[in-house]
């Protein structure tokens, strides 16, 4: 499954990332599956927002990070309702950390 932490594609331009949504953190907490951070560069030029057909002969670069697992956070939320403020806060914290890793991977492309 692929999840884009921002929840949408950016309209700000290549390399300009938006604040992540908490969904990636929530899914991780509910499934305990590792998160594989991936940075992709060049998609903005390949298919700009609002365009239907991609531009030809564009280069896409991909940088894949190490799997991320938040074991302490998974333990913390075991007895929490996923609608509770604490669960939502932990989900957002995970999403923020994943996004920071993606930014780091992007900078190394």
Foldseek 3Di string as FASTA:
>chain_A
DDDDQCNDDDLPDWLDDDQGALVVLLVCLVPVDWDKQKAKTFVCQQAPPPRDHGDPDTDMDMFIDDTDGDVVLSVVCPPPDCPDPVNNVRSSVVSRVSVVVNSVRNVVD
